[in-house]
Amino acid sequence: MTSRIHDRLRHGLLATALCVAAPAAQAAATCTVSAVGPAFGVYNPLNPAPTLSNGSVTATCNYVSGGATTVTMVSSYSAGSSGSYASRTLLSGANRLNYNLYFDAAFTQVRGDGTGGSQTGGATLTVSSSSRTASVSSTIYGRMPAAQNAVPGSYADTIVVTITY
């Protein structure tokens, strides 16, 4: 039996943008974030290997005014419908498939908010009048354990990504 995940993993997106509204002597920047979640496709419960898929998250900062500024960002990720970082859950009605999101291809660093064994991410970007835009991207590693009892359907979860700077 196979189950097609039509909607796949949808990422809700929230960018927390704090702009420095200070005198001209201080630098200011605005930042945005965008994400594309892993699309696991067809899940085969008879496959002895986990199902893997990658997504990405990109943060972009733009120079607003003042001198050069260094923007230090922290990214955090919600637990989604499961409410836990131990194992996130894709839902199709009452049916569930476990999965999780990781910072690393070895699947050891769970993307989260720093609680429940999860970790936050970070990046530093510098913008100025001569280098007005800077971006950083990161791969989101998705993994669904093998041998789950899958009921056919479209499974989805919503993860909120928050970037604070």
C-alpha atoms as a PDB file:
ATOM      1  CA  MET A   1       0.000   0.000   0.000  1.00  0.00           C
ATOM      2  CA  THR A   2       1.300   3.486  -0.785  1.00  0.00           C
ATOM      3  CA  SER A   3       0.141   6.885   0.274  1.00  0.00           C
ATOM      4  CA  ARG A   4       0.564   9.981  -1.892  1.00  0.00           C
ATOM      5  CA  ILE A   5       1.355  13.104   0.022  1.00  0.00           C
ATOM      6  CA  HIS A   6      -0.229  15.722  -2.270  1.00  0.00           C
ATOM      7  CA  ASP A   7       0.142  18.794  -0.131  1.00  0.00           C
ATOM      8  CA  ARG A   8       3.378  17.473   1.279  1.00  0.00           C
ATOM      9  CA  LEU A   9       4.930  19.452   4.036  1.00  0.00           C
ATOM     10  CA  ARG A  10       3.743  23.025   3.888  1.00  0.00           C
ATOM     11  CA  HIS A  11       5.728  25.638   5.735  1.00  0.00           C
ATOM     12  CA  GLY A  12       3.896  28.508   7.278  1.00  0.00           C
ATOM     13  CA  LEU A  13       6.140  31.494   7.317  1.00  0.00           C
ATOM     14  CA  LEU A  14       6.570  34.239   9.826  1.00  0.00           C
ATOM     15  CA  ALA A  15       9.355  36.761   9.635  1.00  0.00           C
ATOM     16  CA  THR A  16       9.916  38.795  12.727  1.00  0.00           C
ATOM     17  CA  ALA A  17      11.452  41.970  11.359  1.00  0.00           C
ATOM     18  CA  LEU A  18      12.914  44.478  13.768  1.00  0.00           C
ATOM     19  CA  CYS A  19      14.168  47.570  11.989  1.00  0.00           C
ATOM     20  CA  VAL A  20      16.412  50.010  13.779  1.00  0.00           C
ATOM     21  CA  ALA A  21      14.625  53.359  13.653  1.00  0.00           C
ATOM     22  CA  ALA A  22      17.503  55.431  14.956  1.00  0.00           C
ATOM     23  CA  PRO A  23      19.324  58.607  14.037  1.00  0.00           C
ATOM     24  CA  ALA A  24      21.153  58.680  10.694  1.00  0.00           C
ATOM     25  CA  ALA A  25      24.461  57.974  12.456  1.00  0.00           C
ATOM     26  CA  GLN A  26      23.310  54.427  13.152  1.00  0.00           C
ATOM     27  CA  ALA A  27      22.866  51.788  10.479  1.00  0.00           C
ATOM     28  CA  ALA A  28      19.527  50.162   9.665  1.00  0.00           C
ATOM     29  CA  ALA A  29      18.514  47.066   7.724  1.00  0.00           C
ATOM     30  CA  THR A  30      15.340  45.134   6.985  1.00  0.00           C
ATOM     31  CA  CYS A  31      15.282  41.360   6.624  1.00  0.00           C
ATOM     32  CA  THR A  32      12.865  38.803   5.161  1.00  0.00           C
ATOM     33  CA  VAL A  33      12.706  35.020   5.219  1.00  0.00           C
ATOM     34  CA  SER A  34      11.288  32.453   2.810  1.00  0.00           C
ATOM     35  CA  ALA A  35      11.110  28.679   3.099  1.00  0.00           C
ATOM     36  CA  VAL A  36      10.237  25.660   0.982  1.00  0.00           C
ATOM     37  CA  GLY A  37       9.505  22.507   2.947  1.00  0.00           C
ATOM     38  CA  PRO A  38      10.612  18.993   2.017  1.00  0.00           C
ATOM     39  CA  ALA A  39       8.219  17.241  -0.395  1.00  0.00           C
ATOM     40  CA  PHE A  40       8.278  13.571   0.615  1.00  0.00           C
ATOM     41  CA  GLY A  41       6.171  12.359  -2.317  1.00  0.00           C
ATOM     42  CA  VAL A  42       4.833   8.801  -2.240  1.00  0.00           C
ATOM     43  CA  TYR A  43       5.498   6.984   1.026  1.00  0.00           C
ATOM     44  CA  ASN A  44       5.966   3.221   0.744  1.00  0.00           C
ATOM     45  CA  PRO A  45       5.518   1.516   4.150  1.00  0.00           C
ATOM     46  CA  LEU A  46       7.214  -1.636   2.768  1.00  0.00           C
ATOM     47  CA  ASN A  47      10.448   0.213   1.979  1.00  0.00           C
ATOM     48  CA  PRO A  48      12.996  -0.711   4.689  1.00  0.00           C
ATOM     49  CA  ALA A  49      14.777   2.650   4.316  1.00  0.00           C
ATOM     50  CA  PRO A  50      13.536   5.995   5.633  1.00  0.00           C
ATOM     51  CA  THR A  51      12.021   8.459   3.149  1.00  0.00           C
ATOM     52  CA  LEU A  52      14.221  11.540   2.727  1.00  0.00           C
ATOM     53  CA  SER A  53      13.558  14.932   1.167  1.00  0.00           C
ATOM     54  CA  ASN A  54      15.192  18.352   1.354  1.00  0.00           C
ATOM     55  CA  GLY A  55      13.773  21.845   1.509  1.00  0.00           C
ATOM     56  CA  SER A  56      15.413  25.222   2.045  1.00  0.00           C
ATOM     57  CA  VAL A  57      15.167  28.411   4.031  1.00  0.00           C
ATOM     58  CA  THR A  58      16.621  31.743   2.876  1.00  0.00           C
ATOM     59  CA  ALA A  59      17.063  34.985   4.822  1.00  0.00           C
ATOM     60  CA  THR A  60      17.763  38.228   2.950  1.00  0.00           C
ATOM     61  CA  CYS A  61      18.724  41.565   4.493  1.00  0.00           C
ATOM     62  CA  ASN A  62      18.595  44.933   2.722  1.00  0.00           C
ATOM     63  CA  TYR A  63      20.476  48.081   3.639  1.00  0.00           C
ATOM     64  CA  VAL A  64      18.186  50.971   4.665  1.00  0.00           C
ATOM     65  CA  SER A  65      20.399  53.789   5.966  1.00  0.00           C
ATOM     66  CA  GLY A  66      23.456  54.767   7.982  1.00  0.00           C
ATOM     67  CA  GLY A  67      26.796  53.015   7.825  1.00  0.00           C
ATOM     68  CA  ALA A  68      27.611  49.367   7.401  1.00  0.00           C
ATOM     69  CA  THR A  69      25.653  47.119   9.730  1.00  0.00           C
ATOM     70  CA  THR A  70      26.098  43.535  10.774  1.00  0.00           C
ATOM     71  CA  VAL A  71      22.830  41.670  11.285  1.00  0.00           C
ATOM     72  CA  THR A  72      22.941  38.635  13.576  1.00  0.00           C
ATOM     73  CA  MET A  73      19.890  36.403  13.096  1.00  0.00           C
ATOM     74  CA  VAL A  74      18.450  33.502  15.063  1.00  0.00           C
ATOM     75  CA  SER A  75      16.028  31.109  13.362  1.00  0.00           C
ATOM     76  CA  SER A  76      13.508  28.980  15.212  1.00  0.00           C
ATOM     77  CA  TYR A  77      10.942  26.457  14.007  1.00  0.00           C
ATOM     78  CA  SER A  78       7.611  25.463  15.549  1.00  0.00           C
ATOM     79  CA  ALA A  79       6.840  21.850  16.453  1.00  0.00           C
ATOM     80  CA  GLY A  80       3.856  21.718  14.069  1.00  0.00           C
ATOM     81  CA  SER A  81       0.757  19.603  14.670  1.00  0.00           C
ATOM     82  CA  SER A  82       2.539  17.124  16.959  1.00  0.00           C
ATOM     83  CA  GLY A  83       3.475  19.758  19.525  1.00  0.00           C
ATOM     84  CA  SER A  84       6.781  17.936  20.032  1.00  0.00           C
ATOM     85  CA  TYR A  85      10.276  18.100  18.571  1.00  0.00           C
ATOM     86  CA  ALA A  86      10.870  14.419  19.367  1.00  0.00           C
ATOM     87  CA  SER A  87       8.800  13.556  16.298  1.00  0.00           C
ATOM     88  CA  ARG A  88       6.748  15.875  14.136  1.00  0.00           C
ATOM     89  CA  THR A  89       3.535  14.577  12.572  1.00  0.00           C
ATOM     90  CA  LEU A  90       2.077  14.827   9.078  1.00  0.00           C
ATOM     91  CA  LEU A  91      -1.719  14.556   9.240  1.00  0.00           C
ATOM     92  CA  SER A  92      -4.406  13.317   6.859  1.00  0.00           C
ATOM     93  CA  GLY A  93      -7.568  13.629   8.929  1.00  0.00           C
ATOM     94  CA  ALA A  94      -6.986  11.378  11.947  1.00  0.00           C
ATOM     95  CA  ASN A  95      -4.160   9.483  10.168  1.00  0.00           C
ATOM     96  CA  ARG A  96      -0.546  10.289  11.035  1.00  0.00           C
ATOM     97  CA  LEU A  97       2.925   9.823   9.623  1.00  0.00           C
ATOM     98  CA  ASN A  98       5.955  10.716  11.745  1.00  0.00           C
ATOM     99  CA  TYR A  99       8.785  12.822  10.350  1.00  0.00           C
ATOM    100  CA  ASN A 100      11.273  15.433  11.458  1.00  0.00           C
ATOM    101  CA  LEU A 101      13.365  18.336  10.146  1.00  0.00           C
ATOM    102  CA  TYR A 102      17.097  18.624  10.676  1.00  0.00           C
ATOM    103  CA  PHE A 103      19.992  21.047  10.232  1.00  0.00           C
ATOM    104  CA  ASP A 104      22.366  18.267   9.173  1.00  0.00           C
ATOM    105  CA  ALA A 105      22.376  15.403   6.668  1.00  0.00           C
ATOM    106  CA  ALA A 106      23.260  12.990   9.503  1.00  0.00           C
ATOM    107  CA  PHE A 107      19.838  13.776  11.082  1.00  0.00           C
ATOM    108  CA  THR A 108      21.235  14.588  14.534  1.00  0.00           C
ATOM    109  CA  GLN A 109      20.312  18.289  14.944  1.00  0.00           C
ATOM    110  CA  VAL A 110      16.518  18.805  15.046  1.00  0.00           C
ATOM    111  CA  ARG A 111      15.316  22.209  13.823  1.00  0.00           C
ATOM    112  CA  GLY A 112      13.314  23.829  16.590  1.00  0.00           C
ATOM    113  CA  ASP A 113      13.237  26.569  19.214  1.00  0.00           C
ATOM    114  CA  GLY A 114      15.969  25.267  21.523  1.00  0.00           C
ATOM    115  CA  THR A 115      13.608  23.231  23.731  1.00  0.00           C
ATOM    116  CA  GLY A 116      12.846  19.505  23.802  1.00  0.00           C
ATOM    117  CA  GLY A 117      16.196  18.530  22.313  1.00  0.00           C
ATOM    118  CA  SER A 118      15.831  20.890  19.345  1.00  0.00           C
ATOM    119  CA  GLN A 119      18.219  23.596  18.196  1.00  0.00           C
ATOM    120  CA  THR A 120      17.915  27.076  16.775  1.00  0.00           C
ATOM    121  CA  GLY A 121      19.925  28.243  13.803  1.00  0.00           C
ATOM    122  CA  GLY A 122      21.936  31.373  13.273  1.00  0.00           C
ATOM    123  CA  ALA A 123      23.587  33.505  10.654  1.00  0.00           C
ATOM    124  CA  THR A 124      25.382  36.826  10.385  1.00  0.00           C
ATOM    125  CA  LEU A 125      25.082  39.134   7.376  1.00  0.00           C
ATOM    126  CA  THR A 126      26.642  42.545   6.685  1.00  0.00           C
ATOM    127  CA  VAL A 127      24.983  45.214   4.524  1.00  0.00           C
ATOM    128  CA  SER A 128      26.121  48.732   3.635  1.00  0.00           C
ATOM    129  CA  SER A 129      25.574  51.467   1.057  1.00  0.00           C
ATOM    130  CA  SER A 130      28.041  49.694  -1.259  1.00  0.00           C
ATOM    131  CA  SER A 131      26.726  46.167  -0.576  1.00  0.00           C
ATOM    132  CA  ARG A 132      22.992  46.759  -0.203  1.00  0.00           C
ATOM    133  CA  THR A 133      21.713  43.155  -0.105  1.00  0.00           C
ATOM    134  CA  ALA A 134      23.028  40.008   1.550  1.00  0.00           C
ATOM    135  CA  SER A 135      21.435  36.536   1.703  1.00  0.00           C
ATOM    136  CA  VAL A 136      22.088  33.250   3.404  1.00  0.00           C
ATOM    137  CA  SER A 137      20.435  29.917   2.588  1.00  0.00           C
ATOM    138  CA  SER A 138      20.288  26.655   4.471  1.00  0.00           C
ATOM    139  CA  THR A 139      19.144  23.174   3.504  1.00  0.00           C
ATOM    140  CA  ILE A 140      16.278  21.706   5.532  1.00  0.00           C
ATOM    141  CA  TYR A 141      16.844  17.948   5.780  1.00  0.00           C
ATOM    142  CA  GLY A 142      13.579  16.008   6.129  1.00  0.00           C
ATOM    143  CA  ARG A 143      13.327  12.363   7.221  1.00  0.00           C
ATOM    144  CA  MET A 144      10.338  10.017   7.612  1.00  0.00           C
ATOM    145  CA  PRO A 145      11.044   6.746   9.441  1.00  0.00           C
ATOM    146  CA  ALA A 146      10.520   3.498   7.543  1.00  0.00           C
ATOM    147  CA  ALA A 147       7.776   0.921   8.188  1.00  0.00           C
ATOM    148  CA  GLN A 148       5.019   3.254   9.357  1.00  0.00           C
ATOM    149  CA  ASN A 149       1.443   2.038   8.986  1.00  0.00           C
ATOM    150  CA  ALA A 150       0.349   4.462   6.243  1.00  0.00           C
ATOM    151  CA  VAL A 151      -3.263   4.960   5.238  1.00  0.00           C
ATOM    152  CA  PRO A 152      -3.691   6.424   1.713  1.00  0.00           C
ATOM    153  CA  GLY A 153      -4.307  10.167   1.709  1.00  0.00           C
ATOM    154  CA  SER A 154      -2.785  13.625   1.449  1.00  0.00           C
ATOM    155  CA  TYR A 155      -0.652  14.395   4.486  1.00  0.00           C
ATOM    156  CA  ALA A 156       0.518  17.845   5.587  1.00  0.00           C
ATOM    157  CA  ASP A 157       1.902  19.800   8.509  1.00  0.00           C
ATOM    158  CA  THR A 158       2.551  23.522   8.976  1.00  0.00           C
ATOM    159  CA  ILE A 159       5.799  24.714  10.507  1.00  0.00           C
ATOM    160  CA  VAL A 160       6.247  28.373  11.422  1.00  0.00           C
ATOM    161  CA  VAL A 161       9.760  29.681  10.802  1.00  0.00           C
ATOM    162  CA  THR A 162      10.699  32.749  12.849  1.00  0.00           C
ATOM    163  CA  ILE A 163      13.795  34.833  12.192  1.00  0.00           C
ATOM    164  CA  THR A 164      14.730  37.287  14.937  1.00  0.00           C
ATOM    165  CA  TYR A 165      17.443  39.896  14.517  1.00  0.00           C
END
